[in-house]
């Protein structure tokens, strides 16, 4: 009976370690996907600004996915899930002054921020390629090592 409890405990430890690695890998991958989606949305926003498609409050929900960017108390807010502090700071800077300039200046500013986001998205993609597999293997290896240690 004690062997059954020991095996169950080791299986739980292994699963927790493996899931920790998989979770970290997933967050890195989701950051890259989120930044790519934000880049595409900001590019669409820039084109709508260039064509004069309407006020920022009207065209903003049309450019971004549902629930990603929203207006709250007259301020533009965004979902920062999976994003790092540098990403959040960049987006806060972009959204804080959005709609405060004339059409041409706003278009240039939006294109500039789109390129900055694209650069971060590219770096996130490179990190995802390098680190996702590493975290998966690290989680599984840590689980195996701990199980062997407790045997």
Protein backbone atom coordinates (compact mmCIF):
# COMPACT_ATOMS: atom_id res chain seq x y z
CA UNK A 1 0.00 0.00 0.00
CA UNK A 2 2.84 2.40 0.81
CA UNK A 3 4.36 1.66 -2.61
CA UNK A 4 1.08 2.77 -4.23
CA UNK A 5 1.18 6.08 -2.35
CA UNK A 6 4.82 6.58 -3.27
CA UNK A 7 4.15 5.93 -6.97
CA UNK A 8 1.12 8.24 -6.90
CA UNK A 9 3.15 10.98 -5.22
CA UNK A 10 5.96 10.63 -7.74
CA UNK A 11 3.46 10.76 -10.62
CA UNK A 12 1.96 13.95 -9.19
CA UNK A 13 5.42 15.52 -8.78
CA UNK A 14 6.35 14.59 -12.35
CA UNK A 15 3.09 16.01 -13.72
CA UNK A 16 3.50 19.28 -11.80
CA UNK A 17 7.05 19.77 -13.08
CA UNK A 18 6.10 18.91 -16.65
CA UNK A 19 3.04 21.17 -16.57
CA UNK A 20 5.18 24.02 -15.19
CA UNK A 21 7.49 23.72 -18.18
CA UNK A 22 4.58 23.48 -20.61
CA UNK A 23 2.91 26.52 -19.03
CA UNK A 24 6.05 28.66 -19.31
CA UNK A 25 6.47 27.55 -22.91
CA UNK A 26 2.86 28.45 -23.65
CA UNK A 27 3.19 31.95 -22.15
CA UNK A 28 6.23 32.66 -24.31
CA UNK A 29 4.42 31.44 -27.42
CA UNK A 30 1.26 33.40 -26.57
CA UNK A 31 3.29 36.61 -26.12
CA UNK A 32 4.67 36.24 -29.62
CA UNK A 33 1.19 35.58 -31.02
CA UNK A 34 -0.31 38.50 -29.10
CA UNK A 35 2.36 40.94 -30.30
CA UNK A 36 1.89 39.80 -33.90
CA UNK A 37 -1.87 40.35 -33.59
CA UNK A 38 -1.33 43.81 -32.07
CA UNK A 39 1.03 44.69 -34.93
CA UNK A 40 -1.56 43.67 -37.53
CA UNK A 41 -4.27 45.63 -35.70
CA UNK A 42 -2.16 48.78 -35.40
CA UNK A 43 -1.34 48.53 -39.11
CA UNK A 44 -5.06 48.36 -39.93
CA UNK A 45 -5.65 51.30 -37.59
CA UNK A 46 -2.97 53.32 -39.38
CA UNK A 47 -4.62 52.68 -42.73
CA UNK A 48 -8.01 53.71 -41.37
CA UNK A 49 -6.48 56.87 -39.93
CA UNK A 50 -4.85 57.62 -43.30
CA UNK A 51 -8.16 57.28 -45.13
CA UNK A 52 -10.03 59.30 -42.51
CA UNK A 53 -12.47 56.50 -41.73
CA UNK A 54 -13.79 58.24 -38.60
CA UNK A 55 -13.05 59.16 -35.03
CA UNK A 56 -10.62 57.05 -33.00
CA UNK A 57 -13.37 55.87 -30.67
CA UNK A 58 -15.31 54.52 -33.66
CA UNK A 59 -12.51 52.88 -35.66
CA UNK A 60 -10.55 51.47 -32.71
CA UNK A 61 -12.95 48.56 -32.00
CA UNK A 62 -13.06 47.78 -35.74
CA UNK A 63 -9.28 47.32 -35.93
CA UNK A 64 -8.63 45.20 -32.85
CA UNK A 65 -10.01 41.82 -31.82
CA UNK A 66 -12.98 41.75 -29.46
CA UNK A 67 -11.93 42.50 -25.88
CA UNK A 68 -8.35 43.40 -26.79
CA UNK A 69 -8.79 47.19 -26.76
CA UNK A 70 -11.69 49.03 -25.17
CA UNK A 71 -12.70 52.48 -23.95
CA UNK A 72 -13.13 52.98 -20.21
CA UNK A 73 -13.91 56.37 -18.69
CA UNK A 74 -12.78 58.10 -21.88
CA UNK A 75 -9.42 56.35 -21.76
CA UNK A 76 -8.20 53.64 -24.13
CA UNK A 77 -7.37 50.43 -22.26
CA UNK A 78 -6.01 47.12 -23.56
CA UNK A 79 -5.73 43.54 -22.41
CA UNK A 80 -2.15 43.02 -21.25
CA UNK A 81 -2.39 39.26 -20.75
CA UNK A 82 0.85 37.46 -21.73
CA UNK A 83 2.67 40.73 -22.44
CA UNK A 84 5.88 41.78 -20.71
CA UNK A 85 6.48 45.13 -19.00
CA UNK A 86 8.30 46.59 -22.01
CA UNK A 87 5.40 45.66 -24.28
CA UNK A 88 2.87 47.17 -21.88
CA UNK A 89 4.88 50.39 -21.54
CA UNK A 90 5.11 50.76 -25.31
CA UNK A 91 1.38 50.20 -25.77
CA UNK A 92 0.53 52.57 -22.91
CA UNK A 93 2.62 55.26 -24.60
CA UNK A 94 0.91 54.60 -27.92
CA UNK A 95 -2.65 54.62 -26.59
CA UNK A 96 -2.14 57.54 -24.20
CA UNK A 97 -1.84 60.13 -27.00
CA UNK A 98 -3.89 58.39 -29.68
CA UNK A 99 -6.20 60.81 -31.45
CA UNK A 100 -4.52 63.98 -30.17
CA UNK A 101 -2.89 65.02 -33.46
CA UNK A 102 -3.98 65.79 -37.01
CA UNK A 103 -4.56 62.97 -39.49
CA UNK A 104 -1.12 62.96 -41.14
CA UNK A 105 0.83 63.21 -37.89
CA UNK A 106 -1.34 60.53 -36.32
CA UNK A 107 -0.75 58.25 -39.30
CA UNK A 108 3.04 58.67 -39.06
CA UNK A 109 2.97 58.15 -35.30
CA UNK A 110 0.87 55.02 -35.67
CA UNK A 111 3.20 53.62 -38.35
CA UNK A 112 6.18 54.29 -36.06
CA UNK A 113 4.60 52.42 -33.17
CA UNK A 114 3.56 49.62 -35.53
CA UNK A 115 7.20 49.16 -36.52
CA UNK A 116 8.30 49.19 -32.87
CA UNK A 117 5.71 46.54 -32.04
CA UNK A 118 6.77 44.54 -35.11
CA UNK A 119 10.37 44.62 -33.87
CA UNK A 120 9.29 43.32 -30.46
CA UNK A 121 7.11 40.68 -32.12
CA UNK A 122 10.09 39.49 -34.16
CA UNK A 123 12.23 39.26 -31.04
CA UNK A 124 9.44 37.38 -29.27
CA UNK A 125 9.22 34.91 -32.17
CA UNK A 126 12.97 34.28 -31.97
CA UNK A 127 12.73 33.78 -28.19
CA UNK A 128 9.78 31.45 -28.65
CA UNK A 129 11.76 29.30 -31.09
CA UNK A 130 14.68 29.09 -28.68
CA UNK A 131 12.96 28.84 -25.33
CA UNK A 132 9.71 26.90 -25.83
CA UNK A 133 11.41 23.59 -26.50
CA UNK A 134 13.90 24.30 -23.70
CA UNK A 135 11.16 24.86 -21.11
CA UNK A 136 9.28 21.75 -22.22
CA UNK A 137 12.41 19.61 -21.87
CA UNK A 138 13.40 21.34 -18.63
CA UNK A 139 10.03 20.66 -17.03
CA UNK A 140 10.05 16.99 -17.99
CA UNK A 141 13.70 16.57 -16.98
CA UNK A 142 13.11 18.21 -13.62
CA UNK A 143 10.18 15.88 -13.01
CA UNK A 144 12.23 12.82 -13.90
CA UNK A 145 15.18 13.98 -11.77
CA UNK A 146 12.99 14.60 -8.72
CA UNK A 147 11.29 11.24 -9.15
CA UNK A 148 14.63 9.46 -9.38
CA UNK A 149 15.87 11.38 -6.34
CA UNK A 150 12.89 10.27 -4.23
CA UNK A 151 13.14 6.63 -5.32
